[in-house]
Amino acid sequence: MPRPVHFELPVAAIASVEGAGATIVYPKRPIPGVGFSAYFTDTEGNRMGLLETDESAVIE
């Protein structure tokens, strides 16, 4: 089973994915007490999720 890869989700990185032809499905959003997530679909139709851990994440 593939292991998750952890990295930061700066707005510039999400814009870079979009600039490479991906479609943002859900922009960066908080998961309280866990971190932030974002989902995109790549140019081949594969949907992927990104997670940045940050226990201080809250819904504003």
N, C-alpha and C. Protein backbone atom coordinates (compact mmCIF):
# COMPACT_ATOMS: atom_id res chain seq x y z
N MET A 1 0.85 -1.17 0.00
CA MET A 1 0.00 0.00 0.00
C MET A 1 0.89 1.24 0.00
N PRO A 2 0.57 2.24 -0.83
CA PRO A 2 1.38 3.46 -0.87
C PRO A 2 1.33 4.20 0.47
N ARG A 3 2.44 4.80 0.83
CA ARG A 3 2.50 5.59 2.05
C ARG A 3 2.26 7.05 1.73
N PRO A 4 1.59 7.79 2.62
CA PRO A 4 1.35 9.21 2.35
C PRO A 4 2.65 10.00 2.38
N VAL A 5 2.69 11.05 1.61
CA VAL A 5 3.83 11.96 1.58
C VAL A 5 3.38 13.25 2.24
N HIS A 6 4.13 13.73 3.22
CA HIS A 6 3.75 14.94 3.94
C HIS A 6 4.60 16.12 3.48
N PHE A 7 3.95 17.26 3.24
CA PHE A 7 4.65 18.48 2.86
C PHE A 7 3.72 19.65 3.12
N GLU A 8 4.27 20.84 3.06
CA GLU A 8 3.47 22.04 3.29
C GLU A 8 2.59 22.33 2.08
N LEU A 9 1.47 23.00 2.33
CA LEU A 9 0.54 23.37 1.26
C LEU A 9 0.47 24.89 1.09
N PRO A 10 1.58 25.52 0.75
CA PRO A 10 1.47 26.96 0.54
C PRO A 10 0.60 27.24 -0.68
N VAL A 11 -0.01 28.40 -0.68
CA VAL A 11 -0.89 28.79 -1.79
C VAL A 11 -0.13 28.71 -3.12
N ALA A 12 1.15 29.05 -3.12
CA ALA A 12 1.94 29.02 -4.35
C ALA A 12 2.06 27.60 -4.90
N ALA A 13 2.16 26.60 -4.03
CA ALA A 13 2.26 25.21 -4.49
C ALA A 13 0.96 24.76 -5.14
N ILE A 14 -0.16 25.14 -4.57
CA ILE A 14 -1.45 24.78 -5.15
C ILE A 14 -1.62 25.48 -6.50
N ALA A 15 -1.19 26.74 -6.58
CA ALA A 15 -1.26 27.47 -7.85
C ALA A 15 -0.36 26.81 -8.89
N SER A 16 0.78 26.28 -8.45
CA SER A 16 1.70 25.60 -9.36
C SER A 16 1.06 24.34 -9.95
N VAL A 17 0.37 23.59 -9.12
CA VAL A 17 -0.33 22.39 -9.59
C VAL A 17 -1.38 22.78 -10.62
N GLU A 18 -2.12 23.83 -10.31
CA GLU A 18 -3.15 24.31 -11.22
C GLU A 18 -2.53 24.81 -12.52
N GLY A 19 -1.39 25.49 -12.42
CA GLY A 19 -0.70 26.00 -13.60
C GLY A 19 -0.18 24.89 -14.50
N ALA A 20 0.04 23.70 -13.92
CA ALA A 20 0.53 22.56 -14.69
C ALA A 20 -0.62 21.82 -15.38
N GLY A 21 -1.84 22.33 -15.23
CA GLY A 21 -2.97 21.73 -15.93
C GLY A 21 -3.95 20.98 -15.05
N ALA A 22 -3.68 20.90 -13.74
CA ALA A 22 -4.59 20.22 -12.83
C ALA A 22 -5.81 21.10 -12.56
N THR A 23 -6.89 20.47 -12.14
CA THR A 23 -8.10 21.18 -11.76
C THR A 23 -8.26 21.06 -10.25
N ILE A 24 -8.39 22.18 -9.57
CA ILE A 24 -8.58 22.16 -8.12
C ILE A 24 -10.02 21.72 -7.84
N VAL A 25 -10.17 20.64 -7.08
CA VAL A 25 -11.49 20.13 -6.72
C VAL A 25 -11.95 20.80 -5.42
N TYR A 26 -11.09 20.83 -4.42
CA TYR A 26 -11.33 21.53 -3.16
C TYR A 26 -10.07 22.31 -2.83
N PRO A 27 -10.16 23.63 -2.70
CA PRO A 27 -8.98 24.40 -2.34
C PRO A 27 -8.54 24.10 -0.91
N LYS A 28 -7.40 24.61 -0.52
CA LYS A 28 -6.88 24.40 0.83
C LYS A 28 -7.94 24.79 1.85
N ARG A 29 -8.23 23.87 2.77
CA ARG A 29 -9.22 24.14 3.81
C ARG A 29 -8.81 23.43 5.09
N PRO A 30 -9.23 23.97 6.23
CA PRO A 30 -8.81 23.39 7.50
C PRO A 30 -9.60 22.14 7.89
N ILE A 31 -8.92 21.26 8.57
CA ILE A 31 -9.54 20.12 9.27
C ILE A 31 -9.17 20.36 10.73
N PRO A 32 -10.11 20.85 11.55
CA PRO A 32 -9.78 21.24 12.91
C PRO A 32 -9.03 20.15 13.69
N GLY A 33 -7.93 20.58 14.32
CA GLY A 33 -7.14 19.68 15.14
C GLY A 33 -6.25 18.73 14.36
N VAL A 34 -6.34 18.74 13.03
CA VAL A 34 -5.55 17.83 12.19
C VAL A 34 -4.59 18.60 11.30
N GLY A 35 -5.12 19.53 10.51
CA GLY A 35 -4.29 20.29 9.58
C GLY A 35 -5.11 20.86 8.45
N PHE A 36 -4.53 20.87 7.25
CA PHE A 36 -5.18 21.44 6.08
C PHE A 36 -5.16 20.42 4.95
N SER A 37 -6.19 20.43 4.13
CA SER A 37 -6.23 19.52 2.99
C SER A 37 -6.63 20.28 1.74
N ALA A 38 -6.27 19.72 0.60
CA ALA A 38 -6.67 20.24 -0.70
C ALA A 38 -6.74 19.04 -1.64
N TYR A 39 -7.64 19.10 -2.60
CA TYR A 39 -7.79 18.01 -3.57
C TYR A 39 -7.76 18.58 -4.97
N PHE A 40 -7.15 17.84 -5.88
CA PHE A 40 -7.12 18.25 -7.28
C PHE A 40 -7.21 17.03 -8.18
N THR A 41 -7.57 17.27 -9.44
CA THR A 41 -7.59 16.23 -10.46
C THR A 41 -6.50 16.57 -11.46
N ASP A 42 -5.60 15.61 -11.73
CA ASP A 42 -4.50 15.89 -12.65
C ASP A 42 -4.98 15.81 -14.10
N THR A 43 -4.07 16.03 -15.02
CA THR A 43 -4.44 16.08 -16.44
C THR A 43 -4.89 14.74 -17.00
N GLU A 44 -4.66 13.65 -16.27
CA GLU A 44 -5.10 12.32 -16.71
C GLU A 44 -6.37 11.87 -15.99
N GLY A 45 -6.95 12.77 -15.18
CA GLY A 45 -8.19 12.45 -14.49
C GLY A 45 -8.04 11.80 -13.13
N ASN A 46 -6.81 11.70 -12.63
CA ASN A 46 -6.58 11.11 -11.31
C ASN A 46 -6.83 12.15 -10.23
N ARG A 47 -7.67 11.83 -9.26
CA ARG A 47 -7.93 12.75 -8.16
C ARG A 47 -6.94 12.45 -7.04
N MET A 48 -6.33 13.52 -6.52
CA MET A 48 -5.34 13.38 -5.46
C MET A 48 -5.64 14.35 -4.34
N GLY A 49 -5.31 13.92 -3.13
CA GLY A 49 -5.48 14.77 -1.97
C GLY A 49 -4.14 15.09 -1.35
N LEU A 50 -4.04 16.29 -0.83
CA LEU A 50 -2.83 16.75 -0.15
C LEU A 50 -3.18 17.05 1.29
N LEU A 51 -2.28 16.74 2.21
CA LEU A 51 -2.53 17.00 3.62
C LEU A 51 -1.30 17.63 4.25
N GLU A 52 -1.52 18.74 4.95
CA GLU A 52 -0.49 19.39 5.74
C GLU A 52 -0.92 19.26 7.19
N THR A 53 -0.12 18.59 8.02
CA THR A 53 -0.49 18.44 9.42
C THR A 53 -0.23 19.73 10.19
N ASP A 54 -1.19 20.14 10.99
CA ASP A 54 -1.09 21.33 11.83
C ASP A 54 -2.23 21.25 12.85
N GLU A 55 -1.92 20.81 14.05
CA GLU A 55 -2.95 20.61 15.06
C GLU A 55 -3.65 21.90 15.47
N SER A 56 -3.08 23.06 15.11
CA SER A 56 -3.72 24.32 15.47
C SER A 56 -4.74 24.78 14.42
N ALA A 57 -4.96 24.00 13.38
CA ALA A 57 -5.91 24.37 12.32
C ALA A 57 -7.33 24.50 12.88
N VAL A 58 -8.00 25.57 12.50
CA VAL A 58 -9.38 25.80 12.91
C VAL A 58 -10.18 26.34 11.73
N ILE A 59 -11.48 26.18 11.77
CA ILE A 59 -12.36 26.76 10.75
C ILE A 59 -12.62 28.20 11.16
N GLU A 60 -12.35 29.11 10.25
CA GLU A 60 -12.53 30.54 10.56
C GLU A 60 -13.92 31.00 10.21
